[in-house]
Every structure is written in structure tokens, then in C-alpha cells.
């Protein structure tokens, strides 16, 4: 069952079994909290594996996150300099997991276009493919997934003004060494990355989605609009445009869109949206 247009999972999705496969060479450890929270919207992460050479100092941050989040590391030595040795191991495991038939979806965490064919092959067999990567991810990999989430939107909110590292008092006032000379200050902790600025509204795409799902009066069910957007643009995400949900995106632009609540089954409310001239 696919996700709803407002970014939330359907009721049954809470029990969908997912496999989360992380390419440590092409995914920052700083987004792990947001990543797992996002995965939980679509189902249960029954398998969590990360692939990389954990003997390398480059993976220090990932090593610290593995135990905390119960992620199984798959060690892959870099036999040849300049070659990404983790790709083959991740691809083999993804295919093995797919053939067990136990998983409803596969989460591929990487910004590497080498996984494009893997995403295509997984979709051919039925599992929903969720991609997670940075905004630099090649479009071929993005389009090969059913749904693609940019990891920049998963970061905690950090104001741009606070994104620069601040020197602490200990660094400014270095203690004296036994020889009477001040000791060199230690390295400053890395500052959390600030979220990128919101993108401009994709007006033409939003209007086309409404038109595709609208009735004779021009009103379209919000869920149908969201489904259309995801099919056309797997990387469509209201958070890229500064809003948490799809409904917020339309409500905050009353000049171009009208949103209406209608009574639904069981006393619930259903949202409809219409483009204004």
C-alpha cells in the first residue's frame, strides 16, 4: 500500500516490513535520527544494515551511531584505492532480501547513482523502493525510486546564524603546559549543518496535479493530488518548500489555492483543494 498524499502512511503501513540498507561511503551519519524517524512513517525497519570500511577513520561517526540505533555493520575492505567496494555487497544483500519475499519495501540510503539499476530491479519485483540521499543525488537514481527523500530535510532545525562553530572558553584560554608554554587549543567541535533555504513553489506542477484529480467543479481530493505528485516526481516533498505537510503548502498560499474540509466516514474530515485563477 502506497503512502498518502499528505506524507503520512496508511493505517496498514505501520506494520509493513522494511529493509534499510545504508551506503556509509555516500551518506552522512548526522542524519541518522531523522532517517529512522522518516522510515517509521512507512513501516517497521525489520532489517537495518550499513556497508563500509569501518577500519577507516572516515567512518568514525558511523561507528558511534551503530550501537545506539541497532544497525548491523557489514565490513567491506577497500581492496583498491579509488573504488567503492561497498556497492556490490549492498546490491547482493538487497537482492537476497528481496527474494525471501518477507519485505514490503526497501530503503536505499545513498547519493550514488550506481544504485539506479538496483532500484529499478527491486520495483520490478513489487517491493516499494524508498530512496534517501542528498540534493546532489543524480536524477536517474531519484526517478528509479517510488519515493525519494532528500536527507537535508531530515536534519534538525538549525538557524543559519548559529551554524558557525563557536570557540569555547577552554579553547580561547589554553592551559599552560608543564614547561610554562600554553598548550595548543584542541579541535573545535563540528557545527551542525543548517537546513538549506526553501525552494520556490512549483506552481505548474501543483496546478497540473489538481487538474488531473479534480471533479467538474475543480475540486480535487488532497490524497489523489499527493499520489499524482509522487508518481510524477518521486522526490516531491512539502518540506523542500518550507512546509511540513502537503495541506500546509496549499493553506499558506490562499492567493492561488483554496482548501476545503468536508465530512468523511466515521466523523473524520477530508481535505479538498482547488486552484484559483
C-alpha atoms as a PDB file:
ATOM      1  CA  UNK A   1       0.000   0.000   0.000  1.00  0.00           C
ATOM      2  CA  UNK A   2       1.403   3.360  -1.021  1.00  0.00           C
ATOM      3  CA  UNK A   3       1.734   6.400   1.206  1.00  0.00           C
ATOM      4  CA  UNK A   4      -0.932   9.055   1.317  1.00  0.00           C
ATOM      5  CA  UNK A   5      -0.526  12.399  -0.392  1.00  0.00           C
ATOM      6  CA  UNK A   6      -0.043  14.249   2.909  1.00  0.00           C
ATOM      7  CA  UNK A   7       3.179  12.355   3.566  1.00  0.00           C
ATOM      8  CA  UNK A   8       1.664  10.056   6.221  1.00  0.00           C
ATOM      9  CA  UNK A   9       1.490   6.322   5.864  1.00  0.00           C
ATOM     10  CA  UNK A  10      -1.797   4.481   5.529  1.00  0.00           C
ATOM     11  CA  UNK A  11      -3.087   2.689   8.614  1.00  0.00           C
ATOM     12  CA  UNK A  12      -1.773  -0.681   7.466  1.00  0.00           C
ATOM     13  CA  UNK A  13       1.656   0.780   6.691  1.00  0.00           C
ATOM     14  CA  UNK A  14       2.579   0.797  10.376  1.00  0.00           C
ATOM     15  CA  UNK A  15       3.123  -2.977  10.091  1.00  0.00           C
ATOM     16  CA  UNK A  16       4.852  -3.046   6.698  1.00  0.00           C
ATOM     17  CA  UNK A  17       8.224  -4.753   6.894  1.00  0.00           C
ATOM     18  CA  UNK A  18      11.094  -2.690   5.542  1.00  0.00           C
ATOM     19  CA  UNK A  19      14.794  -3.325   4.980  1.00  0.00           C
ATOM     20  CA  UNK A  20      17.071  -0.307   5.483  1.00  0.00           C
ATOM     21  CA  UNK A  21      20.388  -0.558   3.627  1.00  0.00           C
ATOM     22  CA  UNK A  22      22.875   2.297   4.139  1.00  0.00           C
ATOM     23  CA  UNK A  23      25.894   3.100   1.991  1.00  0.00           C
ATOM     24  CA  UNK A  24      28.276   4.549   4.602  1.00  0.00           C
ATOM     25  CA  UNK A  25      30.522   5.997   1.886  1.00  0.00           C
ATOM     26  CA  UNK A  26      27.706   8.148   0.487  1.00  0.00           C
ATOM     27  CA  UNK A  27      25.512   9.016   3.468  1.00  0.00           C
ATOM     28  CA  UNK A  28      26.295  11.334   6.408  1.00  0.00           C
ATOM     29  CA  UNK A  29      25.932   9.930   9.909  1.00  0.00           C
ATOM     30  CA  UNK A  30      24.480  13.232  11.117  1.00  0.00           C
ATOM     31  CA  UNK A  31      21.066  12.462   9.617  1.00  0.00           C
ATOM     32  CA  UNK A  32      20.553   9.017  11.199  1.00  0.00           C
ATOM     33  CA  UNK A  33      17.980  10.209  13.775  1.00  0.00           C
ATOM     34  CA  UNK A  34      15.848  11.892  11.136  1.00  0.00           C
ATOM     35  CA  UNK A  35      16.307   8.991   8.730  1.00  0.00           C
ATOM     36  CA  UNK A  36      14.943   6.362  11.111  1.00  0.00           C
ATOM     37  CA  UNK A  37      12.068   8.636  12.124  1.00  0.00           C
ATOM     38  CA  UNK A  38      11.177   9.060   8.452  1.00  0.00           C
ATOM     39  CA  UNK A  39      11.390   5.313   7.787  1.00  0.00           C
ATOM     40  CA  UNK A  40       8.980   4.712  10.689  1.00  0.00           C
ATOM     41  CA  UNK A  41       6.282   6.626   8.740  1.00  0.00           C
ATOM     42  CA  UNK A  42       6.262   3.890   6.101  1.00  0.00           C
ATOM     43  CA  UNK A  43       6.633   0.768   8.217  1.00  0.00           C
ATOM     44  CA  UNK A  44       8.840  -1.209  10.594  1.00  0.00           C
ATOM     45  CA  UNK A  45      12.576  -1.379   9.894  1.00  0.00           C
ATOM     46  CA  UNK A  46      12.943  -5.139  10.347  1.00  0.00           C
ATOM     47  CA  UNK A  47      16.485  -5.082   8.934  1.00  0.00           C
ATOM     48  CA  UNK A  48      18.989  -2.250   9.372  1.00  0.00           C
ATOM     49  CA  UNK A  49      22.393  -2.738   7.766  1.00  0.00           C
ATOM     50  CA  UNK A  50      25.213  -0.375   6.886  1.00  0.00           C
ATOM     51  CA  UNK A  51      28.028  -1.088   4.434  1.00  0.00           C
ATOM     52  CA  UNK A  52      31.524   0.360   4.501  1.00  0.00           C
ATOM     53  CA  UNK A  53      35.138   0.001   5.565  1.00  0.00           C
ATOM     54  CA  UNK A  54      34.878   0.603   9.302  1.00  0.00           C
ATOM     55  CA  UNK A  55      38.621   0.259   9.773  1.00  0.00           C
ATOM     56  CA  UNK A  56      38.895   3.674   8.106  1.00  0.00           C
ATOM     57  CA  UNK A  57      38.887   6.875  10.160  1.00  0.00           C
ATOM     58  CA  UNK A  58      36.319   8.260   7.692  1.00  0.00           C
ATOM     59  CA  UNK A  59      33.673   6.072   9.324  1.00  0.00           C
ATOM     60  CA  UNK A  60      34.286   7.233  12.907  1.00  0.00           C
ATOM     61  CA  UNK A  61      30.906   8.970  13.190  1.00  0.00           C
ATOM     62  CA  UNK A  62      29.048   5.985  11.792  1.00  0.00           C
ATOM     63  CA  UNK A  63      30.775   3.627  14.240  1.00  0.00           C
ATOM     64  CA  UNK A  64      29.454   5.722  17.110  1.00  0.00           C
ATOM     65  CA  UNK A  65      25.892   5.534  15.751  1.00  0.00           C
ATOM     66  CA  UNK A  66      25.717   1.780  15.090  1.00  0.00           C
ATOM     67  CA  UNK A  67      25.199   0.536  18.643  1.00  0.00           C
ATOM     68  CA  UNK A  68      22.821   3.340  19.620  1.00  0.00           C
ATOM     69  CA  UNK A  69      20.464   2.597  16.733  1.00  0.00           C
ATOM     70  CA  UNK A  70      20.991  -1.173  16.490  1.00  0.00           C
ATOM     71  CA  UNK A  71      22.365  -1.064  12.945  1.00  0.00           C
ATOM     72  CA  UNK A  72      24.309  -4.129  11.784  1.00  0.00           C
ATOM     73  CA  UNK A  73      27.622  -3.192  10.132  1.00  0.00           C
ATOM     74  CA  UNK A  74      28.769  -5.099   7.063  1.00  0.00           C
ATOM     75  CA  UNK A  75      32.531  -4.709   6.812  1.00  0.00           C
ATOM     76  CA  UNK A  76      33.869  -4.264   3.301  1.00  0.00           C
ATOM     77  CA  UNK A  77      37.572  -3.649   2.916  1.00  0.00           C
ATOM     78  CA  UNK A  78      38.682  -1.214   0.231  1.00  0.00           C
ATOM     79  CA  UNK A  79      40.853  -3.572  -1.787  1.00  0.00           C
ATOM     80  CA  UNK A  80      41.592  -0.996  -4.484  1.00  0.00           C
ATOM     81  CA  UNK A  81      42.157   2.697  -3.910  1.00  0.00           C
ATOM     82  CA  UNK A  82      39.526   4.888  -5.535  1.00  0.00           C
ATOM     83  CA  UNK A  83      36.990   2.072  -5.954  1.00  0.00           C
ATOM     84  CA  UNK A  84      33.751   1.923  -3.979  1.00  0.00           C
ATOM     85  CA  UNK A  85      33.849  -1.638  -2.681  1.00  0.00           C
ATOM     86  CA  UNK A  86      30.605  -1.368  -0.725  1.00  0.00           C
ATOM     87  CA  UNK A  87      28.290  -1.199  -3.741  1.00  0.00           C
ATOM     88  CA  UNK A  88      28.458  -4.859  -4.691  1.00  0.00           C
ATOM     89  CA  UNK A  89      27.935  -6.060  -1.139  1.00  0.00           C
ATOM     90  CA  UNK A  90      24.860  -3.861  -0.660  1.00  0.00           C
ATOM     91  CA  UNK A  91      23.393  -4.893  -4.017  1.00  0.00           C
ATOM     92  CA  UNK A  92      23.854  -8.609  -3.306  1.00  0.00           C
ATOM     93  CA  UNK A  93      22.197  -8.283   0.108  1.00  0.00           C
ATOM     94  CA  UNK A  94      19.310  -6.268  -1.340  1.00  0.00           C
ATOM     95  CA  UNK A  95      18.586  -8.963  -3.917  1.00  0.00           C
ATOM     96  CA  UNK A  96      18.874 -11.743  -1.330  1.00  0.00           C
ATOM     97  CA  UNK A  97      16.437  -9.957   0.978  1.00  0.00           C
ATOM     98  CA  UNK A  98      14.035  -9.308  -1.882  1.00  0.00           C
ATOM     99  CA  UNK A  99      13.940 -12.983  -2.858  1.00  0.00           C
ATOM    100  CA  UNK A 100      12.941 -14.016   0.673  1.00  0.00           C
ATOM    101  CA  UNK A 101       9.573 -12.375  -0.010  1.00  0.00           C
ATOM    102  CA  UNK A 102       9.424 -11.108   3.573  1.00  0.00           C
ATOM    103  CA  UNK A 103       9.693  -7.394   2.836  1.00  0.00           C
ATOM    104  CA  UNK A 104       7.126  -4.900   1.613  1.00  0.00           C
ATOM    105  CA  UNK A 105       9.663  -2.183   0.936  1.00  0.00           C
ATOM    106  CA  UNK A 106      13.373  -1.463   0.597  1.00  0.00           C
ATOM    107  CA  UNK A 107      15.045   1.728   1.820  1.00  0.00           C
ATOM    108  CA  UNK A 108      18.242   2.542  -0.086  1.00  0.00           C
ATOM    109  CA  UNK A 109      20.298   5.226   1.660  1.00  0.00           C
ATOM    110  CA  UNK A 110      22.875   6.668  -0.720  1.00  0.00           C
ATOM    111  CA  UNK A 111      23.537   9.566  -3.086  1.00  0.00           C
ATOM    112  CA  UNK A 112      25.292   7.249  -5.544  1.00  0.00           C
ATOM    113  CA  UNK A 113      23.775   6.765  -8.995  1.00  0.00           C
ATOM    114  CA  UNK A 114      25.309   3.267  -9.124  1.00  0.00           C
ATOM    115  CA  UNK A 115      22.195   2.019  -7.311  1.00  0.00           C
ATOM    116  CA  UNK A 116      19.856   3.142 -10.091  1.00  0.00           C
ATOM    117  CA  UNK A 117      19.551  -0.284 -11.682  1.00  0.00           C
ATOM    118  CA  UNK A 118      19.101  -1.908  -8.265  1.00  0.00           C
ATOM    119  CA  UNK A 119      16.134   0.369  -7.528  1.00  0.00           C
ATOM    120  CA  UNK A 120      14.621  -0.440 -10.910  1.00  0.00           C
ATOM    121  CA  UNK A 121      15.036  -4.185 -10.387  1.00  0.00           C
ATOM    122  CA  UNK A 122      13.506  -4.102  -6.918  1.00  0.00           C
ATOM    123  CA  UNK A 123      10.472  -2.219  -8.202  1.00  0.00           C
ATOM    124  CA  UNK A 124      10.003  -4.787 -10.962  1.00  0.00           C
ATOM    125  CA  UNK A 125       9.547  -7.460  -8.285  1.00  0.00           C
ATOM    126  CA  UNK A 126       6.963  -5.489  -6.305  1.00  0.00           C
ATOM    127  CA  UNK A 127       8.536  -4.024  -3.137  1.00  0.00           C
ATOM    128  CA  UNK A 128       8.163  -0.273  -2.708  1.00  0.00           C
ATOM    129  CA  UNK A 129      11.543   1.406  -3.067  1.00  0.00           C
ATOM    130  CA  UNK A 130      12.289   4.393  -0.842  1.00  0.00           C
ATOM    131  CA  UNK A 131      15.437   6.314  -1.677  1.00  0.00           C
ATOM    132  CA  UNK A 132      17.266   8.607   0.735  1.00  0.00           C
ATOM    133  CA  UNK A 133      20.075  10.865  -0.429  1.00  0.00           C
ATOM    134  CA  UNK A 134      21.446  14.383  -0.564  1.00  0.00           C
ATOM    135  CA  UNK A 135      20.261  17.004  -3.029  1.00  0.00           C
ATOM    136  CA  UNK A 136      23.281  16.204  -5.198  1.00  0.00           C
ATOM    137  CA  UNK A 137      21.838  12.738  -5.956  1.00  0.00           C
ATOM    138  CA  UNK A 138      21.664  12.177  -9.745  1.00  0.00           C
ATOM    139  CA  UNK A 139      18.133  12.363 -11.131  1.00  0.00           C
ATOM    140  CA  UNK A 140      18.375   8.866 -12.626  1.00  0.00           C
ATOM    141  CA  UNK A 141      18.508   7.305  -9.149  1.00  0.00           C
ATOM    142  CA  UNK A 142      15.768   9.621  -7.854  1.00  0.00           C
ATOM    143  CA  UNK A 143      13.389   8.667 -10.663  1.00  0.00           C
ATOM    144  CA  UNK A 144      14.118   4.955 -10.223  1.00  0.00           C
ATOM    145  CA  UNK A 145      12.559   5.017  -6.731  1.00  0.00           C
ATOM    146  CA  UNK A 146       8.871   5.031  -5.812  1.00  0.00           C
ATOM    147  CA  UNK A 147       9.569   7.759  -3.262  1.00  0.00           C
ATOM    148  CA  UNK A 148      12.766   9.744  -2.733  1.00  0.00           C
ATOM    149  CA  UNK A 149      13.502  11.823   0.377  1.00  0.00           C
ATOM    150  CA  UNK A 150      16.338  14.313   0.470  1.00  0.00           C
ATOM    151  CA  UNK A 151      18.292  13.918   3.694  1.00  0.00           C
ATOM    152  CA  UNK A 152      18.696  17.681   4.091  1.00  0.00           C
ATOM    153  CA  UNK A 153      15.043  17.916   5.192  1.00  0.00           C
ATOM    154  CA  UNK A 154      15.690  15.291   7.888  1.00  0.00           C
ATOM    155  CA  UNK A 155      18.184  17.448   9.769  1.00  0.00           C
ATOM    156  CA  UNK A 156      17.177  19.166  12.979  1.00  0.00           C
ATOM    157  CA  UNK A 157      16.343  22.833  12.518  1.00  0.00           C
ATOM    158  CA  UNK A 158      19.489  24.910  12.950  1.00  0.00           C
ATOM    159  CA  UNK A 159      19.271  28.676  12.355  1.00  0.00           C
ATOM    160  CA  UNK A 160      21.782  29.848   9.786  1.00  0.00           C
ATOM    161  CA  UNK A 161      23.113  32.459  12.227  1.00  0.00           C
ATOM    162  CA  UNK A 162      24.053  29.658  14.624  1.00  0.00           C
ATOM    163  CA  UNK A 163      25.579  27.372  12.042  1.00  0.00           C
ATOM    164  CA  UNK A 164      29.109  28.687  12.573  1.00  0.00           C
ATOM    165  CA  UNK A 165      31.147  26.908  15.239  1.00  0.00           C
ATOM    166  CA  UNK A 166      31.748  28.863  18.403  1.00  0.00           C
ATOM    167  CA  UNK A 167      35.064  28.652  20.199  1.00  0.00           C
ATOM    168  CA  UNK A 168      34.562  27.554  23.779  1.00  0.00           C
ATOM    169  CA  UNK A 169      36.252  29.199  26.741  1.00  0.00           C
ATOM    170  CA  UNK A 170      38.720  26.373  27.115  1.00  0.00           C
ATOM    171  CA  UNK A 171      39.869  26.877  23.529  1.00  0.00           C
ATOM    172  CA  UNK A 172      40.218  30.644  23.964  1.00  0.00           C
ATOM    173  CA  UNK A 173      42.145  30.281  27.207  1.00  0.00           C
ATOM    174  CA  UNK A 174      44.545  27.421  26.673  1.00  0.00           C
ATOM    175  CA  UNK A 175      46.001  25.858  29.853  1.00  0.00           C
ATOM    176  CA  UNK A 176      49.707  26.213  30.439  1.00  0.00           C
ATOM    177  CA  UNK A 177      51.903  23.212  29.789  1.00  0.00           C
ATOM    178  CA  UNK A 178      54.411  21.940  32.413  1.00  0.00           C
ATOM    179  CA  UNK A 179      57.143  23.869  30.575  1.00  0.00           C
ATOM    180  CA  UNK A 180      55.220  27.095  31.093  1.00  0.00           C
ATOM    181  CA  UNK A 181      54.147  27.419  27.470  1.00  0.00           C
ATOM    182  CA  UNK A 182      50.460  27.484  26.542  1.00  0.00           C
ATOM    183  CA  UNK A 183      49.210  24.233  25.038  1.00  0.00           C
ATOM    184  CA  UNK A 184      47.731  24.435  21.541  1.00  0.00           C
ATOM    185  CA  UNK A 185      43.929  24.556  21.613  1.00  0.00           C
ATOM    186  CA  UNK A 186      42.136  21.341  20.737  1.00  0.00           C
ATOM    187  CA  UNK A 187      39.995  20.988  17.610  1.00  0.00           C
ATOM    188  CA  UNK A 188      36.669  22.757  17.742  1.00  0.00           C
ATOM    189  CA  UNK A 189      33.601  20.533  17.532  1.00  0.00           C
ATOM    190  CA  UNK A 190      31.915  20.443  14.163  1.00  0.00           C
ATOM    191  CA  UNK A 191      28.881  22.682  13.940  1.00  0.00           C
ATOM    192  CA  UNK A 192      25.547  21.138  12.905  1.00  0.00           C
ATOM    193  CA  UNK A 193      24.693  21.858   9.307  1.00  0.00           C
ATOM    194  CA  UNK A 194      21.904  24.341   8.690  1.00  0.00           C
ATOM    195  CA  UNK A 195      18.953  23.366   6.532  1.00  0.00           C
ATOM    196  CA  UNK A 196      19.077  24.765   3.005  1.00  0.00           C
ATOM    197  CA  UNK A 197      16.726  27.591   2.102  1.00  0.00           C
ATOM    198  CA  UNK A 198      13.224  26.633   0.974  1.00  0.00           C
ATOM    199  CA  UNK A 199      12.688  26.223  -2.759  1.00  0.00           C
ATOM    200  CA  UNK A 200      10.139  28.315  -4.685  1.00  0.00           C
ATOM    201  CA  UNK A 201       6.686  26.761  -5.077  1.00  0.00           C
ATOM    202  CA  UNK A 202       6.368  24.502  -8.173  1.00  0.00           C
ATOM    203  CA  UNK A 203       3.156  26.185  -9.297  1.00  0.00           C
ATOM    204  CA  UNK A 204       2.838  24.492 -12.679  1.00  0.00           C
ATOM    205  CA  UNK A 205       3.295  21.027 -11.157  1.00  0.00           C
ATOM    206  CA  UNK A 206       0.775  21.676  -8.363  1.00  0.00           C
ATOM    207  CA  UNK A 207      -1.834  23.008 -10.780  1.00  0.00           C
ATOM    208  CA  UNK A 208      -1.343  20.029 -13.087  1.00  0.00           C
ATOM    209  CA  UNK A 209      -1.802  17.614 -10.166  1.00  0.00           C
ATOM    210  CA  UNK A 210      -5.036  19.312  -9.110  1.00  0.00           C
ATOM    211  CA  UNK A 211      -6.370  19.347 -12.663  1.00  0.00           C
ATOM    212  CA  UNK A 212      -5.626  15.633 -13.064  1.00  0.00           C
ATOM    213  CA  UNK A 213      -7.574  14.701  -9.912  1.00  0.00           C
ATOM    214  CA  UNK A 214     -10.329  17.343  -9.959  1.00  0.00           C
ATOM    215  CA  UNK A 215     -14.079  16.957 -10.419  1.00  0.00           C
ATOM    216  CA  UNK A 216     -16.299  19.123 -12.632  1.00  0.00           C
ATOM    217  CA  UNK A 217     -16.194  21.955 -10.090  1.00  0.00           C
ATOM    218  CA  UNK A 218     -12.399  21.882  -9.993  1.00  0.00           C
ATOM    219  CA  UNK A 219     -12.076  20.385  -6.505  1.00  0.00           C
ATOM    220  CA  UNK A 220      -9.559  17.560  -6.018  1.00  0.00           C
ATOM    221  CA  UNK A 221      -9.108  15.172  -3.090  1.00  0.00           C
ATOM    222  CA  UNK A 222      -5.830  16.012  -1.364  1.00  0.00           C
ATOM    223  CA  UNK A 223      -4.811  12.346  -1.242  1.00  0.00           C
ATOM    224  CA  UNK A 224      -5.253  11.981  -5.007  1.00  0.00           C
ATOM    225  CA  UNK A 225      -3.211  15.134  -5.587  1.00  0.00           C
ATOM    226  CA  UNK A 226      -0.419  13.777  -3.406  1.00  0.00           C
ATOM    227  CA  UNK A 227      -0.436  10.436  -5.220  1.00  0.00           C
ATOM    228  CA  UNK A 228      -0.136  12.169  -8.576  1.00  0.00           C
ATOM    229  CA  UNK A 229       2.755  14.323  -7.367  1.00  0.00           C
ATOM    230  CA  UNK A 230       4.672  11.300  -6.088  1.00  0.00           C
ATOM    231  CA  UNK A 231       4.155   9.399  -9.333  1.00  0.00           C
ATOM    232  CA  UNK A 232       5.376  12.307 -11.446  1.00  0.00           C
ATOM    233  CA  UNK A 233       8.112  13.464  -9.073  1.00  0.00           C
ATOM    234  CA  UNK A 234       9.313  10.774  -6.623  1.00  0.00           C
ATOM    235  CA  UNK A 235      11.342  13.449  -4.816  1.00  0.00           C
ATOM    236  CA  UNK A 236       8.378  15.777  -4.246  1.00  0.00           C
ATOM    237  CA  UNK A 237       8.332  16.761  -0.575  1.00  0.00           C
ATOM    238  CA  UNK A 238       6.480  19.722   1.006  1.00  0.00           C
ATOM    239  CA  UNK A 239       9.428  20.186   3.374  1.00  0.00           C
ATOM    240  CA  UNK A 240      11.574  21.269   0.428  1.00  0.00           C
ATOM    241  CA  UNK A 241       9.240  24.285   0.126  1.00  0.00           C
ATOM    242  CA  UNK A 242       9.238  25.159   3.811  1.00  0.00           C
ATOM    243  CA  UNK A 243       6.056  23.313   4.844  1.00  0.00           C
ATOM    244  CA  UNK A 244       5.644  20.165   6.890  1.00  0.00           C
ATOM    245  CA  UNK A 245       2.610  18.711   5.088  1.00  0.00           C
ATOM    246  CA  UNK A 246       1.039  18.968   1.658  1.00  0.00           C
ATOM    247  CA  UNK A 247      -2.065  20.577   3.134  1.00  0.00           C
ATOM    248  CA  UNK A 248       0.101  23.286   4.713  1.00  0.00           C
ATOM    249  CA  UNK A 249       1.600  24.005   1.311  1.00  0.00           C
ATOM    250  CA  UNK A 250      -1.828  24.876  -0.119  1.00  0.00           C
ATOM    251  CA  UNK A 251      -3.208  26.575   3.002  1.00  0.00           C
ATOM    252  CA  UNK A 252      -0.305  29.015   3.150  1.00  0.00           C
ATOM    253  CA  UNK A 253      -0.913  30.182  -0.425  1.00  0.00           C
ATOM    254  CA  UNK A 254      -4.525  31.345  -0.267  1.00  0.00           C
ATOM    255  CA  UNK A 255      -3.920  33.569  -3.260  1.00  0.00           C
ATOM    256  CA  UNK A 256      -3.544  30.626  -5.642  1.00  0.00           C
ATOM    257  CA  UNK A 257      -5.283  27.722  -3.853  1.00  0.00           C
ATOM    258  CA  UNK A 258      -8.464  27.122  -1.866  1.00  0.00           C
ATOM    259  CA  UNK A 259      -8.660  24.329   0.711  1.00  0.00           C
ATOM    260  CA  UNK A 260     -11.963  22.919   1.956  1.00  0.00           C
ATOM    261  CA  UNK A 261     -12.720  20.444   4.735  1.00  0.00           C
ATOM    262  CA  UNK A 262     -15.567  18.031   4.139  1.00  0.00           C
ATOM    263  CA  UNK A 263     -17.059  15.420   6.470  1.00  0.00           C
ATOM    264  CA  UNK A 264     -15.779  11.925   5.852  1.00  0.00           C
ATOM    265  CA  UNK A 265     -16.575   8.416   7.060  1.00  0.00           C
ATOM    266  CA  UNK A 266     -16.712   7.881  10.808  1.00  0.00           C
ATOM    267  CA  UNK A 267     -16.788  11.566  11.635  1.00  0.00           C
ATOM    268  CA  UNK A 268     -13.389  12.229  10.056  1.00  0.00           C
ATOM    269  CA  UNK A 269     -12.634  15.203   7.842  1.00  0.00           C
ATOM    270  CA  UNK A 270     -11.413  15.024   4.271  1.00  0.00           C
ATOM    271  CA  UNK A 271      -9.454  17.795   2.588  1.00  0.00           C
ATOM    272  CA  UNK A 272     -10.111  19.037  -0.929  1.00  0.00           C
ATOM    273  CA  UNK A 273      -8.095  21.608  -2.843  1.00  0.00           C
ATOM    274  CA  UNK A 274      -8.874  23.807  -5.846  1.00  0.00           C
ATOM    275  CA  UNK A 275      -6.618  26.052  -7.940  1.00  0.00           C
ATOM    276  CA  UNK A 276      -7.730  29.679  -8.148  1.00  0.00           C
ATOM    277  CA  UNK A 277      -7.482  31.720 -11.318  1.00  0.00           C
END
